[in-house]
Amino acid sequence: MSKTYSLYFKLVLNLPSAAAMSLAASLMNEGINGRTWVFTLVGFSLACLINDFIPLMRISDWFTGLFALKKDLLAGQCVGCLLINFIPVTVISGVMALLGTSNLSGFLTSFTGNYPVLYLVSYLMTMIMTPLAKAAGNKACTRVTVR
């Protein structure tokens, strides 16, 4: 994967997903405020780091292969997104819960209470944004090589 493709892919996939997760968490807790935007930036940064260090697409392909599904079909994408959302959502929602609470019981309540909703939001955003992110990465690469 080229650096140009990777950059566009991460921007198009991670920014809307991080924004949706932080908005959902804010709406479930105290409402939208200045911290929502901080959480969006933190979530986006963490998502990019996770994508840099953990081969989520390879994990998705492997998981899809376990069920003998083609990764480009809808069923394969649905199954592939199940596992790969677990890692970023766990890390991002954990960090958001740590930033938003001041004690251990508050952290546990926030993390366990928000996790199912944040996982669902992230899963849906991944399903919607992955084809768009791939298209943006491909378009950016063709523009760079044509010049």
Protein backbone atom coordinates (compact mmCIF):
# COMPACT_ATOMS: atom_id res chain seq x y z
CA MET A 1 0.00 0.00 0.00
CA SER A 2 1.48 3.35 -1.00
CA LYS A 3 1.83 6.23 1.42
CA THR A 4 -0.61 8.34 -0.61
CA TYR A 5 -3.25 5.62 -0.58
CA SER A 6 -2.72 5.03 3.13
CA LEU A 7 -3.04 8.72 3.96
CA TYR A 8 -6.30 9.20 2.08
CA PHE A 9 -7.68 5.89 3.31
CA LYS A 10 -6.99 6.79 6.95
CA LEU A 11 -8.41 10.31 6.61
CA VAL A 12 -11.65 9.21 4.96
CA LEU A 13 -12.17 6.20 7.23
CA ASN A 14 -10.93 7.38 10.61
CA LEU A 15 -12.10 10.99 10.83
CA PRO A 16 -15.84 10.31 10.38
CA SER A 17 -15.62 7.20 12.59
CA ALA A 18 -13.85 9.08 15.40
CA ALA A 19 -16.32 11.97 15.12
CA ALA A 20 -19.31 9.63 15.22
CA MET A 21 -17.92 7.75 18.23
CA SER A 22 -17.17 10.92 20.19
CA LEU A 23 -20.56 12.42 19.33
CA ALA A 24 -22.33 9.24 20.41
CA ALA A 25 -20.36 9.09 23.66
CA SER A 26 -21.05 12.76 24.37
CA LEU A 27 -24.75 12.39 23.68
CA MET A 28 -24.95 9.38 26.01
CA ASN A 29 -23.11 11.21 28.80
CA GLU A 30 -23.04 14.97 29.26
CA GLY A 31 -24.06 16.30 25.84
CA ILE A 32 -22.03 17.94 23.11
CA ASN A 33 -19.50 20.45 24.39
CA GLY A 34 -15.87 21.45 23.89
CA ARG A 35 -14.65 18.08 25.15
CA THR A 36 -16.47 16.39 22.26
CA TRP A 37 -14.04 17.93 19.79
CA VAL A 38 -11.05 16.99 21.93
CA PHE A 39 -12.34 13.41 22.05
CA THR A 40 -12.75 13.47 18.25
CA LEU A 41 -9.10 14.47 17.78
CA VAL A 42 -7.94 11.91 20.34
CA GLY A 43 -10.05 9.19 18.70
CA PHE A 44 -8.80 10.10 15.22
CA SER A 45 -5.16 10.09 16.37
CA LEU A 46 -5.57 6.74 18.11
CA ALA A 47 -7.35 5.23 15.10
CA CYS A 48 -4.52 6.31 12.80
CA LEU A 49 -1.90 4.90 15.16
CA ILE A 50 -3.78 1.63 15.46
CA ASN A 51 -4.03 1.39 11.67
CA ASP A 52 -0.30 2.05 11.39
CA PHE A 53 0.77 -0.63 13.85
CA ILE A 54 -1.91 -3.33 13.60
CA PRO A 55 -2.64 -4.90 10.19
CA LEU A 56 -6.42 -4.59 10.50
CA MET A 57 -7.11 -5.30 6.83
CA ARG A 58 -5.09 -8.54 6.96
CA ILE A 59 -6.95 -9.55 10.10
CA SER A 60 -10.23 -8.80 8.35
CA ASP A 61 -9.21 -10.88 5.33
CA TRP A 62 -8.15 -13.76 7.58
CA PHE A 63 -11.39 -13.62 9.58
CA THR A 64 -13.48 -13.50 6.40
CA GLY A 65 -11.54 -16.49 5.06
CA LEU A 66 -12.43 -18.52 8.15
CA PHE A 67 -16.04 -18.40 6.99
CA ALA A 68 -15.12 -18.99 3.31
CA LEU A 69 -16.57 -15.62 2.31
CA LYS A 70 -15.27 -13.31 -0.38
CA LYS A 71 -14.04 -10.10 1.20
CA ASP A 72 -15.42 -7.90 -1.59
CA LEU A 73 -19.01 -9.08 -1.17
CA LEU A 74 -21.36 -7.58 1.40
CA ALA A 75 -21.42 -10.70 3.59
CA GLY A 76 -17.62 -10.77 3.66
CA GLN A 77 -17.44 -7.09 4.57
CA CYS A 78 -20.01 -7.55 7.35
CA VAL A 79 -18.09 -10.44 8.88
CA GLY A 80 -14.67 -8.84 8.33
CA CYS A 81 -15.69 -5.67 10.15
CA LEU A 82 -16.85 -7.58 13.23
CA LEU A 83 -13.36 -8.44 14.45
CA ILE A 84 -11.39 -5.45 13.23
CA ASN A 85 -13.69 -2.99 15.03
CA PHE A 86 -13.09 -4.72 18.34
CA ILE A 87 -9.48 -3.51 18.63
CA PRO A 88 -9.89 0.22 17.85
CA VAL A 89 -13.21 0.57 19.68
CA THR A 90 -11.78 -1.03 22.81
CA VAL A 91 -8.72 1.24 22.79
CA ILE A 92 -10.52 4.44 21.79
CA SER A 93 -13.50 4.00 24.12
CA GLY A 94 -11.14 3.08 26.96
CA VAL A 95 -9.08 6.23 26.46
CA MET A 96 -12.23 8.35 26.13
CA ALA A 97 -13.57 6.85 29.37
CA LEU A 98 -10.25 7.58 31.11
CA LEU A 99 -10.27 11.17 29.91
CA GLY A 100 -13.90 11.69 30.83
CA THR A 101 -13.86 10.28 34.36
CA SER A 102 -11.88 10.92 37.49
CA ASN A 103 -12.06 7.59 39.33
CA LEU A 104 -12.00 3.85 38.67
CA SER A 105 -15.69 3.22 39.27
CA GLY A 106 -16.59 6.08 36.92
CA PHE A 107 -14.24 4.65 34.32
CA LEU A 108 -15.75 1.16 34.55
CA THR A 109 -19.30 2.51 34.42
CA SER A 110 -18.52 4.76 31.45
CA PHE A 111 -16.54 2.14 29.55
CA THR A 112 -19.00 -0.73 29.98
CA GLY A 113 -22.04 1.49 29.53
CA ASN A 114 -20.82 3.14 26.34
CA TYR A 115 -18.96 0.25 24.72
CA PRO A 116 -21.91 -1.54 23.03
CA VAL A 117 -23.21 1.67 21.49
CA LEU A 118 -19.76 2.84 20.42
CA TYR A 119 -19.04 -0.55 18.89
CA LEU A 120 -22.28 -0.38 16.89
CA VAL A 121 -21.57 3.19 15.77
CA SER A 122 -18.03 2.27 14.73
CA TYR A 123 -19.21 -0.88 12.95
CA LEU A 124 -21.78 1.04 10.92
CA MET A 125 -19.33 3.84 10.11
CA THR A 126 -16.73 1.28 9.02
CA MET A 127 -19.26 -0.42 6.75
CA ILE A 128 -20.21 2.91 5.19
CA MET A 129 -16.80 4.56 5.01
CA THR A 130 -14.52 1.68 3.94
CA PRO A 131 -15.65 1.64 0.28
CA LEU A 132 -15.41 5.44 0.20
CA ALA A 133 -11.95 5.35 1.79
CA LYS A 134 -10.74 2.77 -0.73
CA ALA A 135 -12.11 4.87 -3.59
CA ALA A 136 -10.45 8.02 -2.22
CA GLY A 137 -7.13 6.21 -1.85
CA ASN A 138 -7.32 4.79 -5.38
CA LYS A 139 -8.29 8.16 -6.84
CA ALA A 140 -5.43 9.89 -5.03
CA CYS A 141 -2.96 7.29 -6.30
CA THR A 142 -4.11 7.62 -9.92
CA ARG A 143 -3.88 11.41 -9.70
CA VAL A 144 -0.35 11.20 -8.35
CA THR A 145 0.86 8.69 -10.97
CA VAL A 146 -0.81 10.42 -13.94
CA ARG A 147 0.93 13.76 -13.41
